[in-house]
N, C-alpha and C. Protein backbone atom coordinates (compact mmCIF):
# COMPACT_ATOMS: atom_id res chain seq x y z
N MET A 1 -45.93 -33.96 23.36
CA MET A 1 -44.44 -34.31 22.80
C MET A 1 -43.53 -34.26 23.78
N ALA A 2 -43.56 -33.29 24.97
CA ALA A 2 -42.60 -33.70 26.17
C ALA A 2 -42.61 -35.15 27.01
N LYS A 3 -44.20 -35.34 27.16
CA LYS A 3 -44.41 -36.45 27.80
C LYS A 3 -44.36 -37.72 26.88
N SER A 4 -44.30 -37.87 25.46
CA SER A 4 -43.59 -38.80 24.50
C SER A 4 -42.10 -39.18 24.67
N ASN A 5 -41.09 -38.00 24.98
CA ASN A 5 -40.21 -38.16 24.95
C ASN A 5 -39.44 -38.05 26.67
N ASP A 6 -40.03 -38.80 27.27
CA ASP A 6 -40.19 -39.10 28.80
C ASP A 6 -39.70 -37.75 28.97
N GLY A 7 -40.36 -36.70 29.47
CA GLY A 7 -40.02 -35.15 29.34
C GLY A 7 -39.53 -35.41 31.01
N ALA A 8 -38.82 -34.42 31.47
CA ALA A 8 -38.67 -33.90 33.09
C ALA A 8 -39.80 -33.04 33.50
N PRO A 9 -39.70 -32.86 34.92
CA PRO A 9 -40.91 -32.08 35.54
C PRO A 9 -40.54 -30.90 35.48
N GLY A 10 -41.26 -30.25 35.00
CA GLY A 10 -41.03 -28.48 34.66
C GLY A 10 -40.53 -27.78 36.02
N ILE A 11 -40.14 -26.49 36.11
CA ILE A 11 -39.28 -25.65 36.83
C ILE A 11 -39.88 -26.09 38.41
N ASP A 12 -41.88 -26.38 38.50
CA ASP A 12 -42.04 -26.52 39.26
C ASP A 12 -42.27 -27.95 39.87
N GLY A 13 -41.76 -28.60 39.49
CA GLY A 13 -41.20 -29.96 39.99
C GLY A 13 -42.87 -31.08 39.78
N VAL A 14 -43.52 -30.56 39.12
CA VAL A 14 -44.83 -31.22 38.51
C VAL A 14 -44.86 -31.95 37.52
N THR A 15 -44.61 -33.71 37.73
CA THR A 15 -44.49 -35.12 36.75
C THR A 15 -45.80 -34.45 35.96
N PHE A 16 -46.01 -35.38 35.01
CA PHE A 16 -47.10 -35.94 34.25
C PHE A 16 -47.89 -36.34 34.99
N GLU A 17 -47.45 -37.59 35.36
CA GLU A 17 -48.31 -38.62 36.49
C GLU A 17 -48.75 -37.46 37.74
N ALA A 18 -48.01 -36.79 38.54
CA ALA A 18 -48.73 -35.84 39.32
C ALA A 18 -49.75 -35.19 38.55
N ILE A 19 -49.97 -34.67 37.57
CA ILE A 19 -50.97 -33.92 37.05
C ILE A 19 -51.70 -35.06 36.94
N GLU A 20 -51.59 -36.29 35.92
CA GLU A 20 -52.84 -37.15 35.89
C GLU A 20 -53.83 -37.73 37.06
N GLU A 21 -52.85 -37.67 37.98
CA GLU A 21 -53.24 -38.15 39.05
C GLU A 21 -54.11 -37.73 39.61
N SER A 22 -54.15 -35.96 39.97
CA SER A 22 -55.19 -35.56 40.20
C SER A 22 -56.30 -35.20 39.32
N GLY A 23 -55.81 -34.99 37.95
CA GLY A 23 -57.35 -34.88 37.27
C GLY A 23 -56.54 -34.07 35.76
N VAL A 24 -56.45 -34.14 34.95
CA VAL A 24 -56.01 -32.80 33.37
C VAL A 24 -56.82 -31.96 33.64
N GLU A 25 -58.61 -32.09 33.96
CA GLU A 25 -59.34 -31.02 33.71
C GLU A 25 -59.56 -29.94 34.80
N SER A 26 -58.93 -30.84 36.34
CA SER A 26 -58.58 -29.59 36.94
C SER A 26 -57.53 -28.93 37.07
N PHE A 27 -56.76 -29.82 36.94
CA PHE A 27 -55.47 -28.74 36.32
C PHE A 27 -55.70 -27.74 35.19
N LEU A 28 -56.45 -28.02 34.57
CA LEU A 28 -55.72 -26.98 33.32
C LEU A 28 -57.03 -26.00 34.16
N LYS A 29 -58.19 -26.41 34.79
CA LYS A 29 -59.15 -25.39 35.27
C LYS A 29 -58.39 -24.36 36.11
N GLN A 30 -57.69 -24.92 37.21
CA GLN A 30 -57.31 -23.99 38.09
C GLN A 30 -56.16 -22.86 37.59
N ILE A 31 -55.77 -23.26 36.52
CA ILE A 31 -54.34 -22.66 35.20
C ILE A 31 -55.53 -21.72 34.85
N GLN A 32 -56.59 -22.24 34.37
CA GLN A 32 -57.39 -21.02 33.28
C GLN A 32 -58.14 -20.23 34.37
N ASP A 33 -58.57 -20.04 35.64
CA ASP A 33 -59.01 -19.32 36.94
C ASP A 33 -57.60 -18.27 37.26
N GLU A 34 -56.69 -18.94 37.31
CA GLU A 34 -55.80 -17.88 37.36
C GLU A 34 -55.46 -16.91 36.71
N LEU A 35 -55.10 -17.36 35.35
CA LEU A 35 -55.05 -16.67 34.43
C LEU A 35 -56.48 -15.55 33.73
N VAL A 36 -57.44 -16.22 34.27
CA VAL A 36 -58.67 -15.14 34.32
C VAL A 36 -58.60 -14.03 35.19
N GLN A 37 -58.44 -14.47 36.52
CA GLN A 37 -58.46 -13.68 37.80
C GLN A 37 -56.93 -12.76 37.85
N HIS A 38 -56.40 -12.58 36.97
CA HIS A 38 -55.05 -12.25 37.22
C HIS A 38 -54.29 -12.38 38.48
N THR A 39 -54.49 -13.75 38.87
CA THR A 39 -53.46 -13.84 39.83
C THR A 39 -52.25 -15.35 39.76
N TYR A 40 -52.23 -15.45 38.29
CA TYR A 40 -50.95 -16.77 37.94
C TYR A 40 -49.84 -15.96 38.57
N GLN A 41 -49.34 -16.72 39.42
CA GLN A 41 -47.57 -16.18 39.34
C GLN A 41 -46.94 -17.27 38.68
N PRO A 42 -46.25 -16.75 37.65
CA PRO A 42 -45.09 -18.08 36.82
C PRO A 42 -43.71 -17.83 38.31
N MET A 43 -43.21 -19.04 37.89
CA MET A 43 -42.11 -19.47 38.60
C MET A 43 -40.90 -18.87 37.69
N ARG A 44 -39.97 -18.62 38.62
CA ARG A 44 -39.09 -18.33 38.28
C ARG A 44 -37.88 -19.39 37.24
N VAL A 45 -37.61 -18.64 36.19
CA VAL A 45 -36.85 -19.73 35.36
C VAL A 45 -35.27 -19.92 35.70
N ARG A 46 -35.20 -21.06 35.73
CA ARG A 46 -33.37 -21.42 35.95
C ARG A 46 -32.83 -21.00 34.61
N HIS A 47 -31.74 -20.64 35.31
CA HIS A 47 -30.40 -20.15 34.23
C HIS A 47 -29.28 -20.77 33.99
N LEU A 48 -29.11 -21.22 33.02
CA LEU A 48 -27.89 -22.43 32.86
C LEU A 48 -26.93 -21.72 31.63
N ARG A 49 -25.72 -21.44 32.37
CA ARG A 49 -24.98 -21.13 31.49
C ARG A 49 -24.45 -21.91 30.34
N THR A 50 -24.44 -21.08 29.48
CA THR A 50 -24.05 -22.39 28.39
C THR A 50 -22.94 -22.63 28.33
N SER A 51 -21.37 -21.98 28.95
CA SER A 51 -20.48 -22.13 28.90
C SER A 51 -20.42 -23.33 29.92
N LEU A 52 -21.38 -23.73 30.76
CA LEU A 52 -21.22 -25.05 32.12
C LEU A 52 -21.41 -25.90 31.31
N LEU A 53 -22.54 -26.00 30.10
CA LEU A 53 -23.27 -26.80 29.40
C LEU A 53 -22.45 -27.37 28.37
N PHE A 54 -21.49 -26.49 27.82
CA PHE A 54 -20.77 -26.93 27.11
C PHE A 54 -19.56 -27.73 27.15
N GLY A 55 -19.13 -27.23 28.19
CA GLY A 55 -17.80 -27.42 29.00
C GLY A 55 -16.30 -26.37 28.82
N LEU A 56 -16.99 -25.35 28.31
CA LEU A 56 -15.66 -24.75 27.57
C LEU A 56 -15.65 -23.79 29.26
N VAL A 57 -15.79 -23.72 30.52
CA VAL A 57 -15.13 -23.23 31.70
C VAL A 57 -13.69 -23.30 31.66
N GLY A 58 -13.00 -22.44 31.55
CA GLY A 58 -11.61 -22.62 31.96
C GLY A 58 -10.74 -22.65 30.60
N ALA A 59 -11.68 -22.62 29.40
CA ALA A 59 -11.00 -22.73 27.96
C ALA A 59 -9.96 -21.81 27.45
């Protein structure tokens, strides 16, 4: 769904095109291996203040 909506890259900066170029199966296998081996390290989440999003700063 995200791809069909021209979704932006994730927090890690990896695009759909980059995943497809390197191979979807190998990408999924790598993630699976990291999860099984308990070595997966999720990236930190970017926080966006909703007040900035809606222009409410200084209101």
